[in-house]
Protein backbone atom coordinates (compact mmCIF):
# COMPACT_ATOMS: atom_id res chain seq x y z
CA UNK A 1 -149.30 23.66 97.07
CA UNK A 2 -147.88 20.97 99.30
CA UNK A 3 -145.03 18.84 98.04
CA UNK A 4 -142.75 16.53 99.97
CA UNK A 5 -138.99 16.94 100.21
CA UNK A 6 -138.66 13.59 98.45
CA UNK A 7 -140.77 14.78 95.52
CA UNK A 8 -138.77 18.01 95.30
CA UNK A 9 -135.50 16.05 95.33
CA UNK A 10 -136.82 13.70 92.64
CA UNK A 11 -137.83 16.64 90.45
CA UNK A 12 -134.40 18.26 90.84
CA UNK A 13 -132.52 14.99 90.32
CA UNK A 14 -134.60 14.29 87.21
CA UNK A 15 -133.69 17.65 85.69
CA UNK A 16 -130.00 17.20 86.58
CA UNK A 17 -130.10 13.76 84.92
CA UNK A 18 -131.67 15.31 81.80
CA UNK A 19 -128.91 17.93 81.74
CA UNK A 20 -126.23 15.22 82.01
CA UNK A 21 -127.92 13.21 79.23
CA UNK A 22 -128.03 16.30 77.00
CA UNK A 23 -124.30 16.86 77.60
CA UNK A 24 -123.58 13.27 76.59
CA UNK A 25 -125.58 13.72 73.39
CA UNK A 26 -123.50 16.80 72.58
CA UNK A 27 -120.30 14.83 73.26
CA UNK A 28 -119.44 16.79 76.40
CA UNK A 29 -119.02 13.87 78.78
CA UNK A 30 -115.53 14.76 80.03
CA UNK A 31 -115.48 17.52 82.60
CA UNK A 32 -112.21 19.19 83.60
CA UNK A 33 -111.39 18.81 87.30
CA UNK A 34 -111.41 22.56 87.86
CA UNK A 35 -115.05 22.94 86.74
CA UNK A 36 -117.85 22.60 89.27
CA UNK A 37 -119.95 19.45 89.01
CA UNK A 38 -123.12 21.52 88.45
CA UNK A 39 -122.39 24.73 86.52
CA UNK A 40 -124.47 27.88 86.88
CA UNK A 41 -126.29 27.30 83.57
CA UNK A 42 -127.48 23.92 84.85
CA UNK A 43 -128.58 25.51 88.13
CA UNK A 44 -130.61 28.10 86.20
CA UNK A 45 -132.23 25.36 84.14
CA UNK A 46 -133.27 23.52 87.30
CA UNK A 47 -134.49 26.77 88.86
CA UNK A 48 -136.68 27.51 85.83
CA UNK A 49 -138.18 24.00 85.85
CA UNK A 50 -138.99 24.30 89.54
CA UNK A 51 -140.61 27.69 89.03
CA UNK A 52 -142.73 26.29 86.21
CA UNK A 53 -143.78 23.14 88.05
CA UNK A 54 -144.33 24.73 91.47
CA UNK A 55 -145.85 27.99 90.26
CA UNK A 56 -143.61 30.13 92.47
CA UNK A 57 -140.69 32.45 91.90
CA UNK A 58 -137.37 31.25 93.28
CA UNK A 59 -134.54 33.56 94.26
CA UNK A 60 -131.69 33.73 91.78
CA UNK A 61 -129.42 34.20 94.80
CA UNK A 62 -129.18 30.41 95.03
CA UNK A 63 -127.27 30.35 91.75
CA UNK A 64 -123.65 30.76 92.81
CA UNK A 65 -121.16 32.18 90.35
CA UNK A 66 -119.71 29.15 88.59
CA UNK A 67 -122.20 26.69 90.08
CA UNK A 68 -122.04 23.99 92.76
CA UNK A 69 -119.01 21.81 93.42
CA UNK A 70 -121.22 18.80 94.03
CA UNK A 71 -124.69 17.57 93.21
CA UNK A 72 -125.70 17.11 96.86
CA UNK A 73 -125.12 20.78 97.70
CA UNK A 74 -127.10 21.85 94.63
CA UNK A 75 -130.05 19.62 95.46
CA UNK A 76 -130.05 20.72 99.11
CA UNK A 77 -130.02 24.41 98.17
CA UNK A 78 -132.79 23.94 95.60
CA UNK A 79 -135.01 22.01 98.02
CA UNK A 80 -134.51 24.64 100.73
CA UNK A 81 -135.27 27.53 98.36
CA UNK A 82 -138.31 25.75 96.94
CA UNK A 83 -139.71 25.17 100.42
CA UNK A 84 -139.07 28.82 101.34
CA UNK A 85 -140.81 30.07 98.19
CA UNK A 86 -143.77 27.72 98.65
CA UNK A 87 -144.21 28.79 102.28
CA UNK A 88 -144.06 32.45 101.26
CA UNK A 89 -146.63 31.90 98.49
CA UNK A 90 -148.92 30.06 100.90
CA UNK A 91 -148.58 32.84 103.46
CA UNK A 92 -149.32 35.48 100.83
CA UNK A 93 -152.34 33.53 99.58
CA UNK A 94 -153.69 33.38 103.14
CA UNK A 95 -153.20 37.12 103.53
CA UNK A 96 -155.15 37.77 100.32
CA UNK A 97 -158.05 35.58 101.47
CA UNK A 98 -158.34 37.35 104.83
CA UNK A 99 -158.16 40.86 103.35
């Protein structure tokens, strides 16, 4: 599966927006300064959506304890891990075909 960085970013940003909207609906719009911008539960939710949409398994190692301090770092890490997983899946698929 080939997907552009822009499409990956859009998918991740969309899920992060959905998470923020859900928090607003629950009345959790105020975030204490000491909390990361993207907590680890949100990162896991994004990871699961990416796995479902891309059809690959992503490493849980990209989910830092506590989460990400800012959205940009989260998106960058998710894009990089998605690209790594897609390349690995493509390589493995090529190996199966040639066997």
